[in-house]
PDB file of N, CA and C in Angstrom:
ATOM      1  N   MET A   1      95.428  48.789  32.148  1.00  0.00           N
ATOM      2  CA  MET A   1      94.132  48.822  31.485  1.00  0.00           C
ATOM      3  C   MET A   1      93.417  50.143  31.766  1.00  0.00           C
ATOM      4  N   LEU A   2      93.449  50.593  33.040  1.00  0.00           N
ATOM      5  CA  LEU A   2      92.786  51.845  33.400  1.00  0.00           C
ATOM      6  C   LEU A   2      93.406  53.019  32.650  1.00  0.00           C
ATOM      7  N   CYS A   3      94.744  53.024  32.562  1.00  0.00           N
ATOM      8  CA  CYS A   3      95.431  54.097  31.833  1.00  0.00           C
ATOM      9  C   CYS A   3      95.028  54.078  30.364  1.00  0.00           C
ATOM     10  N   GLU A   4      94.930  52.897  29.789  1.00  0.00           N
ATOM     11  CA  GLU A   4      94.548  52.783  28.380  1.00  0.00           C
ATOM     12  C   GLU A   4      93.151  53.357  28.151  1.00  0.00           C
ATOM     13  N   VAL A   5      92.238  53.062  29.053  1.00  0.00           N
ATOM     14  CA  VAL A   5      90.872  53.575  28.939  1.00  0.00           C
ATOM     15  C   VAL A   5      90.869  55.090  29.078  1.00  0.00           C
ATOM     16  N   LYS A   6      91.607  55.605  30.072  1.00  0.00           N
ATOM     17  CA  LYS A   6      91.681  57.055  30.266  1.00  0.00           C
ATOM     18  C   LYS A   6      92.305  57.738  29.061  1.00  0.00           C
ATOM     19  N   CYS A   7      93.405  57.170  28.550  1.00  0.00           N
ATOM     20  CA  CYS A   7      94.086  57.761  27.397  1.00  0.00           C
ATOM     21  C   CYS A   7      93.160  57.791  26.186  1.00  0.00           C
ATOM     22  N   ASN A   8      92.460  56.700  25.938  1.00  0.00           N
ATOM     23  CA  ASN A   8      91.537  56.668  24.808  1.00  0.00           C
ATOM     24  C   ASN A   8      90.429  57.693  24.978  1.00  0.00           C
ATOM     25  N   SER A   9      89.938  57.873  26.206  1.00  0.00           N
ATOM     26  CA  SER A   9      88.898  58.862  26.469  1.00  0.00           C
ATOM     27  C   SER A   9      89.410  60.272  26.217  1.00  0.00           C
ATOM     28  N   VAL A  10      90.629  60.537  26.655  1.00  0.00           N
ATOM     29  CA  VAL A  10      91.221  61.858  26.459  1.00  0.00           C
ATOM     30  C   VAL A  10      91.418  62.130  24.972  1.00  0.00           C
ATOM     31  N   ILE A  11      91.893  61.125  24.240  1.00  0.00           N
ATOM     32  CA  ILE A  11      92.104  61.300  22.800  1.00  0.00           C
ATOM     33  C   ILE A  11      90.776  61.582  22.100  1.00  0.00           C
ATOM     34  N   ARG A  12      89.726  60.829  22.458  1.00  0.00           N
ATOM     35  CA  ARG A  12      88.423  61.074  21.849  1.00  0.00           C
ATOM     36  C   ARG A  12      87.914  62.470  22.192  1.00  0.00           C
ATOM     37  N   LEU A  13      88.103  62.901  23.445  1.00  0.00           N
ATOM     38  CA  LEU A  13      87.665  64.228  23.863  1.00  0.00           C
ATOM     39  C   LEU A  13      88.420  65.312  23.105  1.00  0.00           C
ATOM     40  N   LEU A  14      89.745  65.176  22.993  1.00  0.00           N
ATOM     41  CA  LEU A  14      90.538  66.150  22.250  1.00  0.00           C
ATOM     42  C   LEU A  14      90.113  66.184  20.792  1.00  0.00           C
ATOM     43  N   SER A  15      89.909  65.011  20.215  1.00  0.00           N
ATOM     44  CA  SER A  15      89.490  64.927  18.825  1.00  0.00           C
ATOM     45  C   SER A  15      88.150  65.637  18.631  1.00  0.00           C
ATOM     46  N   TYR A  16      87.192  65.396  19.531  1.00  0.00           N
ATOM     47  CA  TYR A  16      85.887  66.037  19.443  1.00  0.00           C
ATOM     48  C   TYR A  16      86.019  67.550  19.565  1.00  0.00           C
ATOM     49  N   ASN A  17      86.810  68.025  20.537  1.00  0.00           N
ATOM     50  CA  ASN A  17      86.974  69.465  20.740  1.00  0.00           C
ATOM     51  C   ASN A  17      87.624  70.132  19.537  1.00  0.00           C
ATOM     52  N   TYR A  18      88.630  69.485  18.954  1.00  0.00           N
ATOM     53  CA  TYR A  18      89.283  70.058  17.783  1.00  0.00           C
ATOM     54  C   TYR A  18      88.331  70.082  16.599  1.00  0.00           C
ATOM     55  N   GLN A  19      87.571  68.999  16.397  1.00  0.00           N
ATOM     56  CA  GLN A  19      86.630  68.969  15.277  1.00  0.00           C
ATOM     57  C   GLN A  19      85.550  70.023  15.469  1.00  0.00           C
ATOM     58  N   LYS A  20      85.103  70.223  16.703  1.00  0.00           N
ATOM     59  CA  LYS A  20      84.081  71.227  17.005  1.00  0.00           C
ATOM     60  C   LYS A  20      84.579  72.631  16.645  1.00  0.00           C
ATOM     61  N   LYS A  21      85.878  72.882  16.870  1.00  0.00           N
ATOM     62  CA  LYS A  21      86.467  74.182  16.568  1.00  0.00           C
ATOM     63  C   LYS A  21      86.910  74.287  15.114  1.00  0.00           C
ATOM     64  N   GLY A  22      86.753  73.212  14.350  1.00  0.00           N
ATOM     65  CA  GLY A  22      87.161  73.249  12.947  1.00  0.00           C
ATOM     66  C   GLY A  22      88.639  73.018  12.750  1.00  0.00           C
ATOM     67  N   ILE A  23      89.302  72.403  13.723  1.00  0.00           N
ATOM     68  CA  ILE A  23      90.725  72.131  13.623  1.00  0.00           C
ATOM     69  C   ILE A  23      90.904  70.641  13.354  1.00  0.00           C
ATOM     70  N   ALA A  24      91.603  70.321  12.299  1.00  0.00           N
ATOM     71  CA  ALA A  24      91.849  68.921  11.979  1.00  0.00           C
ATOM     72  C   ALA A  24      93.040  68.408  12.770  1.00  0.00           C
ATOM     73  N   LEU A  25      92.893  67.243  13.365  1.00  0.00           N
ATOM     74  CA  LEU A  25      94.032  66.616  14.029  1.00  0.00           C
ATOM     75  C   LEU A  25      94.940  65.987  12.979  1.00  0.00           C
ATOM     76  N   GLU A  26      96.228  65.969  13.273  1.00  0.00           N
ATOM     77  CA  GLU A  26      97.154  65.325  12.370  1.00  0.00           C
ATOM     78  C   GLU A  26      96.812  63.846  12.302  1.00  0.00           C
ATOM     79  N   LYS A  27      96.833  63.275  11.110  1.00  0.00           N
ATOM     80  CA  LYS A  27      96.488  61.872  10.951  1.00  0.00           C
ATOM     81  C   LYS A  27      97.676  60.962  11.202  1.00  0.00           C
ATOM     82  N   ARG A  28      98.859  61.481  11.049  1.00  0.00           N
ATOM     83  CA  ARG A  28     100.075  60.715  11.280  1.00  0.00           C
ATOM     84  C   ARG A  28     100.989  61.527  12.167  1.00  0.00           C
ATOM     85  N   THR A  29     101.933  60.856  12.770  1.00  0.00           N
ATOM     86  CA  THR A  29     102.920  61.567  13.571  1.00  0.00           C
ATOM     87  C   THR A  29     104.310  61.213  13.072  1.00  0.00           C
ATOM     88  N   ALA A  30     105.225  62.124  13.276  1.00  0.00           N
ATOM     89  CA  ALA A  30     106.626  61.903  12.952  1.00  0.00           C
ATOM     90  C   ALA A  30     107.434  62.303  14.175  1.00  0.00           C
ATOM     91  N   ARG A  31     108.500  61.622  14.400  1.00  0.00           N
ATOM     92  CA  ARG A  31     109.331  61.893  15.571  1.00  0.00           C
ATOM     93  C   ARG A  31     110.334  62.998  15.253  1.00  0.00           C
ATOM     94  N   LEU A  32     110.471  63.944  16.163  1.00  0.00           N
ATOM     95  CA  LEU A  32     111.454  65.019  16.064  1.00  0.00           C
ATOM     96  C   LEU A  32     112.302  64.951  17.330  1.00  0.00           C
ATOM     97  N   THR A  33     113.567  64.670  17.175  1.00  0.00           N
ATOM     98  CA  THR A  33     114.457  64.555  18.324  1.00  0.00           C
ATOM     99  C   THR A  33     115.239  65.852  18.463  1.00  0.00           C
ATOM    100  N   ILE A  34     115.209  66.407  19.665  1.00  0.00           N
ATOM    101  CA  ILE A  34     115.959  67.641  19.910  1.00  0.00           C
ATOM    102  C   ILE A  34     116.875  67.444  21.120  1.00  0.00           C
ATOM    103  N   LEU A  35     117.934  68.210  21.158  1.00  0.00           N
ATOM    104  CA  LEU A  35     118.819  68.226  22.313  1.00  0.00           C
ATOM    105  C   LEU A  35     118.513  69.490  23.102  1.00  0.00           C
ATOM    106  N   ILE A  36     118.345  69.335  24.400  1.00  0.00           N
ATOM    107  CA  ILE A  36     117.985  70.462  25.246  1.00  0.00           C
ATOM    108  C   ILE A  36     118.745  70.343  26.561  1.00  0.00           C
ATOM    109  N   ASP A  37     119.072  71.461  27.130  1.00  0.00           N
ATOM    110  CA  ASP A  37     119.743  71.505  28.417  1.00  0.00           C
ATOM    111  C   ASP A  37     118.867  70.802  29.462  1.00  0.00           C
ATOM    112  N   PRO A  38     119.427  69.910  30.257  1.00  0.00           N
ATOM    113  CA  PRO A  38     118.627  69.160  31.230  1.00  0.00           C
ATOM    114  C   PRO A  38     117.834  70.041  32.207  1.00  0.00           C
ATOM    115  N   ILE A  39     118.401  71.163  32.582  1.00  0.00           N
ATOM    116  CA  ILE A  39     117.689  72.054  33.514  1.00  0.00           C
ATOM    117  C   ILE A  39     116.464  72.659  32.834  1.00  0.00           C
ATOM    118  N   LYS A  40     116.626  73.082  31.568  1.00  0.00           N
ATOM    119  CA  LYS A  40     115.475  73.631  30.830  1.00  0.00           C
ATOM    120  C   LYS A  40     114.409  72.568  30.628  1.00  0.00           C
ATOM    121  N   LYS A  41     114.825  71.331  30.368  1.00  0.00           N
ATOM    122  CA  LYS A  41     113.863  70.238  30.201  1.00  0.00           C
ATOM    123  C   LYS A  41     113.079  70.023  31.494  1.00  0.00           C
ATOM    124  N   GLU A  42     113.774  70.013  32.600  1.00  0.00           N
ATOM    125  CA  GLU A  42     113.119  69.825  33.900  1.00  0.00           C
ATOM    126  C   GLU A  42     112.124  70.951  34.180  1.00  0.00           C
ATOM    127  N   ILE A  43     112.533  72.183  33.914  1.00  0.00           N
ATOM    128  CA  ILE A  43     111.651  73.333  34.138  1.00  0.00           C
ATOM    129  C   ILE A  43     110.452  73.276  33.200  1.00  0.00           C
ATOM    130  N   LEU A  44     110.692  72.922  31.932  1.00  0.00           N
ATOM    131  CA  LEU A  44     109.594  72.791  30.976  1.00  0.00           C
ATOM    132  C   LEU A  44     108.574  71.771  31.470  1.00  0.00           C
ATOM    133  N   GLU A  45     109.046  70.622  31.937  1.00  0.00           N
ATOM    134  CA  GLU A  45     108.140  69.591  32.437  1.00  0.00           C
ATOM    135  C   GLU A  45     107.343  70.083  33.643  1.00  0.00           C
ATOM    136  N   GLU A  46     107.984  70.845  34.535  1.00  0.00           N
ATOM    137  CA  GLU A  46     107.291  71.386  35.710  1.00  0.00           C
ATOM    138  C   GLU A  46     106.206  72.379  35.298  1.00  0.00           C
ATOM    139  N   VAL A  47     106.563  73.294  34.391  1.00  0.00           N
ATOM    140  CA  VAL A  47     105.605  74.309  33.943  1.00  0.00           C
ATOM    141  C   VAL A  47     104.449  73.652  33.204  1.00  0.00           C
ATOM    142  N   CYS A  48     104.758  72.687  32.365  1.00  0.00           N
ATOM    143  CA  CYS A  48     103.703  71.974  31.634  1.00  0.00           C
ATOM    144  C   CYS A  48     102.750  71.287  32.615  1.00  0.00           C
ATOM    145  N   ALA A  49     103.303  70.633  33.619  1.00  0.00           N
ATOM    146  CA  ALA A  49     102.469  69.947  34.606  1.00  0.00           C
ATOM    147  C   ALA A  49     101.562  70.934  35.343  1.00  0.00           C
ATOM    148  N   GLN A  50     102.070  72.124  35.623  1.00  0.00           N
ATOM    149  CA  GLN A  50     101.258  73.150  36.298  1.00  0.00           C
ATOM    150  C   GLN A  50     100.065  73.562  35.444  1.00  0.00           C
ATOM    151  N   HIS A  51     100.204  73.461  34.133  1.00  0.00           N
ATOM    152  CA  HIS A  51      99.136  73.859  33.212  1.00  0.00           C
ATOM    153  C   HIS A  51      98.415  72.658  32.615  1.00  0.00           C
ATOM    154  N   ASP A  52      98.665  71.476  33.190  1.00  0.00           N
ATOM    155  CA  ASP A  52      98.025  70.236  32.750  1.00  0.00           C
ATOM    156  C   ASP A  52      98.238  69.991  31.250  1.00  0.00           C
ATOM    157  N   LEU A  53      99.475  70.208  30.808  1.00  0.00           N
ATOM    158  CA  LEU A  53      99.871  69.969  29.427  1.00  0.00           C
ATOM    159  C   LEU A  53     101.091  69.059  29.411  1.00  0.00           C
ATOM    160  N   THR A  54     101.320  68.428  28.285  1.00  0.00           N
ATOM    161  CA  THR A  54     102.558  67.672  28.128  1.00  0.00           C
ATOM    162  C   THR A  54     103.556  68.539  27.363  1.00  0.00           C
ATOM    163  N   PRO A  55     104.849  68.274  27.530  1.00  0.00           N
ATOM    164  CA  PRO A  55     105.832  69.015  26.728  1.00  0.00           C
ATOM    165  C   PRO A  55     105.572  68.874  25.230  1.00  0.00           C
ATOM    166  N   SER A  56     105.120  67.708  24.790  1.00  0.00           N
ATOM    167  CA  SER A  56     104.825  67.520  23.365  1.00  0.00           C
ATOM    168  C   SER A  56     103.720  68.453  22.892  1.00  0.00           C
ATOM    169  N   GLN A  57     102.686  68.639  23.711  1.00  0.00           N
ATOM    170  CA  GLN A  57     101.596  69.548  23.344  1.00  0.00           C
ATOM    171  C   GLN A  57     102.126  70.968  23.185  1.00  0.00           C
ATOM    172  N   VAL A  58     102.984  71.379  24.100  1.00  0.00           N
ATOM    173  CA  VAL A  58     103.540  72.733  24.061  1.00  0.00           C
ATOM    174  C   VAL A  58     104.433  72.908  22.842  1.00  0.00           C
ATOM    175  N   ILE A  59     105.278  71.919  22.566  1.00  0.00           N
ATOM    176  CA  ILE A  59     106.175  72.003  21.406  1.00  0.00           C
ATOM    177  C   ILE A  59     105.364  72.059  20.111  1.00  0.00           C
ATOM    178  N   ARG A  60     104.324  71.212  19.997  1.00  0.00           N
ATOM    179  CA  ARG A  60     103.482  71.245  18.787  1.00  0.00           C
ATOM    180  C   ARG A  60     102.824  72.610  18.627  1.00  0.00           C
ATOM    181  N   SER A  61     102.385  73.195  19.723  1.00  0.00           N
ATOM    182  CA  SER A  61     101.772  74.525  19.674  1.00  0.00           C
ATOM    183  C   SER A  61     102.784  75.570  19.196  1.00  0.00           C
ATOM    184  N   LEU A  62     104.000  75.491  19.717  1.00  0.00           N
ATOM    185  CA  LEU A  62     105.047  76.431  19.295  1.00  0.00           C
ATOM    186  C   LEU A  62     105.365  76.268  17.815  1.00  0.00           C
ATOM    187  N   ILE A  63     105.392  75.034  17.340  1.00  0.00           N
ATOM    188  CA  ILE A  63     105.663  74.793  15.914  1.00  0.00           C
ATOM    189  C   ILE A  63     104.548  75.394  15.062  1.00  0.00           C
ATOM    190  N   ARG A  64     103.286  75.180  15.480  1.00  0.00           N
ATOM    191  CA  ARG A  64     102.164  75.765  14.721  1.00  0.00           C
ATOM    192  C   ARG A  64     102.263  77.287  14.690  1.00  0.00           C
ATOM    193  N   GLU A  65     102.592  77.905  15.832  1.00  0.00           N
ATOM    194  CA  GLU A  65     102.732  79.361  15.888  1.00  0.00           C
ATOM    195  C   GLU A  65     103.861  79.843  14.985  1.00  0.00           C
ATOM    196  N   TYR A  66     104.987  79.126  14.982  1.00  0.00           N
ATOM    197  CA  TYR A  66     106.128  79.518  14.155  1.00  0.00           C
ATOM    198  C   TYR A  66     105.768  79.444  12.674  1.00  0.00           C
ATOM    199  N   ILE A  67     105.108  78.354  12.284  1.00  0.00           N
ATOM    200  CA  ILE A  67     104.683  78.222  10.884  1.00  0.00           C
ATOM    201  C   ILE A  67     103.695  79.324  10.534  1.00  0.00           C
ATOM    202  N   ASN A  68     102.773  79.624  11.438  1.00  0.00           N
ATOM    203  CA  ASN A  68     101.782  80.671  11.200  1.00  0.00           C
ATOM    204  C   ASN A  68     102.440  82.034  11.018  1.00  0.00           C
ATOM    205  N   GLN A  69     103.481  82.310  11.777  1.00  0.00           N
ATOM    206  CA  GLN A  69     104.161  83.606  11.701  1.00  0.00           C
ATOM    207  C   GLN A  69     105.126  83.713  10.529  1.00  0.00           C
ATOM    208  N   HIS A  70     105.793  82.619  10.196  1.00  0.00           N
ATOM    209  CA  HIS A  70     106.895  82.712   9.235  1.00  0.00           C
ATOM    210  C   HIS A  70     106.680  81.919   7.944  1.00  0.00           C
ATOM    211  N   GLY A  71     105.668  81.079   7.889  1.00  0.00           N
ATOM    212  CA  GLY A  71     105.449  80.260   6.703  1.00  0.00           C
ATOM    213  C   GLY A  71     104.782  81.037   5.581  1.00  0.00           C
ATOM    214  N   THR A  72     104.972  80.556   4.373  1.00  0.00           N
ATOM    215  CA  THR A  72     104.292  81.145   3.212  1.00  0.00           C
ATOM    216  C   THR A  72     102.828  80.692   3.234  1.00  0.00           C
ATOM    217  N   PRO A  73     101.967  81.371   2.511  1.00  0.00           N
ATOM    218  CA  PRO A  73     100.563  80.929   2.456  1.00  0.00           C
ATOM    219  C   PRO A  73     100.429  79.476   1.991  1.00  0.00           C
ATOM    220  N   GLU A  74     101.278  79.060   1.053  1.00  0.00           N
ATOM    221  CA  GLU A  74     101.223  77.686   0.572  1.00  0.00           C
ATOM    222  C   GLU A  74     101.610  76.700   1.672  1.00  0.00           C
ATOM    223  N   GLN A  75     102.628  77.058   2.450  1.00  0.00           N
ATOM    224  CA  GLN A  75     103.048  76.189   3.552  1.00  0.00           C
ATOM    225  C   GLN A  75     101.966  76.121   4.620  1.00  0.00           C
ATOM    226  N   LYS A  76     101.377  77.251   4.946  1.00  0.00           N
ATOM    227  CA  LYS A  76     100.311  77.277   5.957  1.00  0.00           C
ATOM    228  C   LYS A  76      99.114  76.451   5.521  1.00  0.00           C
ATOM    229  N   ALA A  77      98.819  76.460   4.230  1.00  0.00           N
ATOM    230  CA  ALA A  77      97.668  75.712   3.720  1.00  0.00           C
ATOM    231  C   ALA A  77      97.864  74.206   3.863  1.00  0.00           C
ATOM    232  N   ARG A  78      99.110  73.753   3.960  1.00  0.00           N
ATOM    233  CA  ARG A  78      99.381  72.320   4.104  1.00  0.00           C
ATOM    234  C   ARG A  78      99.228  71.851   5.541  1.00  0.00           C
ATOM    235  N   VAL A  79      99.113  72.780   6.494  1.00  0.00           N
ATOM    236  CA  VAL A  79      98.956  72.416   7.905  1.00  0.00           C
ATOM    237  C   VAL A  79      97.470  72.389   8.224  1.00  0.00           C
ATOM    238  N   PRO A  80      96.929  71.239   8.694  1.00  0.00           N
ATOM    239  CA  PRO A  80      95.482  71.129   8.925  1.00  0.00           C
ATOM    240  C   PRO A  80      94.900  72.237   9.794  1.00  0.00           C
ATOM    241  N   ALA A  81      95.580  72.678  10.832  1.00  0.00           N
ATOM    242  CA  ALA A  81      95.034  73.681  11.736  1.00  0.00           C
ATOM    243  C   ALA A  81      94.873  75.043  11.067  1.00  0.00           C
ATOM    244  N   PHE A  82      95.600  75.298   9.981  1.00  0.00           N
ATOM    245  CA  PHE A  82      95.530  76.603   9.331  1.00  0.00           C
ATOM    246  C   PHE A  82      94.546  76.638   8.173  1.00  0.00           C
ATOM    247  N   LYS A  83      94.000  75.514   7.784  1.00  0.00           N
ATOM    248  CA  LYS A  83      93.118  75.488   6.620  1.00  0.00           C
ATOM    249  C   LYS A  83      91.813  76.235   6.859  1.00  0.00           C
ATOM    250  N   LYS A  84      91.368  76.347   8.115  1.00  0.00           N
ATOM    251  CA  LYS A  84      90.121  77.036   8.424  1.00  0.00           C
ATOM    252  C   LYS A  84      90.320  78.534   8.628  1.00  0.00           C
ATOM    253  N   GLY A  85      91.567  78.983   8.664  1.00  0.00           N
ATOM    254  CA  GLY A  85      91.821  80.408   8.830  1.00  0.00           C
ATOM    255  C   GLY A  85      92.511  80.699  10.155  1.00  0.00           C
ATOM    256  N   PRO A  86      92.781  81.985  10.421  1.00  0.00           N
ATOM    257  CA  PRO A  86      93.558  82.352  11.604  1.00  0.00           C
ATOM    258  C   PRO A  86      92.840  82.099  12.924  1.00  0.00           C
ATOM    259  N   LYS A  87      91.526  81.962  12.946  1.00  0.00           N
ATOM    260  CA  LYS A  87      90.809  81.739  14.189  1.00  0.00           C
ATOM    261  C   LYS A  87      90.925  80.290  14.660  1.00  0.00           C
ATOM    262  N   ALA A  88      91.680  79.468  13.969  1.00  0.00           N
ATOM    263  CA  ALA A  88      91.842  78.072  14.354  1.00  0.00           C
ATOM    264  C   ALA A  88      92.844  77.900  15.478  1.00  0.00           C
ATOM    265  N   SER A  89      93.408  78.994  15.996  1.00  0.00           N
ATOM    266  CA  SER A  89      94.381  78.880  17.071  1.00  0.00           C
ATOM    267  C   SER A  89      93.699  78.556  18.390  1.00  0.00           C
ATOM    268  N   ARG A  90      94.503  78.232  19.402  1.00  0.00           N
ATOM    269  CA  ARG A  90      93.968  77.829  20.699  1.00  0.00           C
ATOM    270  C   ARG A  90      93.542  79.016  21.565  1.00  0.00           C
ATOM    271  N   ASN A  91      93.601  80.228  21.063  1.00  0.00           N
ATOM    272  CA  ASN A  91      93.298  81.401  21.876  1.00  0.00           C
ATOM    273  C   ASN A  91      91.827  81.639  22.073  1.00  0.00           C
ATOM    274  N   LYS A  92      90.993  80.694  21.673  1.00  0.00           N
ATOM    275  CA  LYS A  92      89.542  80.871  21.834  1.00  0.00           C
ATOM    276  C   LYS A  92      89.143  80.749  23.270  1.00  0.00           C
TER     277      LYS A  92
END
């Protein structure tokens, strides 16, 4: 129960922060399964924990950056975080 309350609070806080910055949160999620070397996975989890992030957060950030760098304007326009322009990145 405590974890559920904390998780809901974190989600609301993230949602508020993203809306404040003009970044839309994804309304749906889709699963992406990848194969990764176990040692790299372990190191990724350690580094993420040091920065208080989850591996999923880091992967989503990398995907957004890749789309921003290599996607067409039409593709970028379909991603909620890019609709407000280039300042919608987390570098604020």
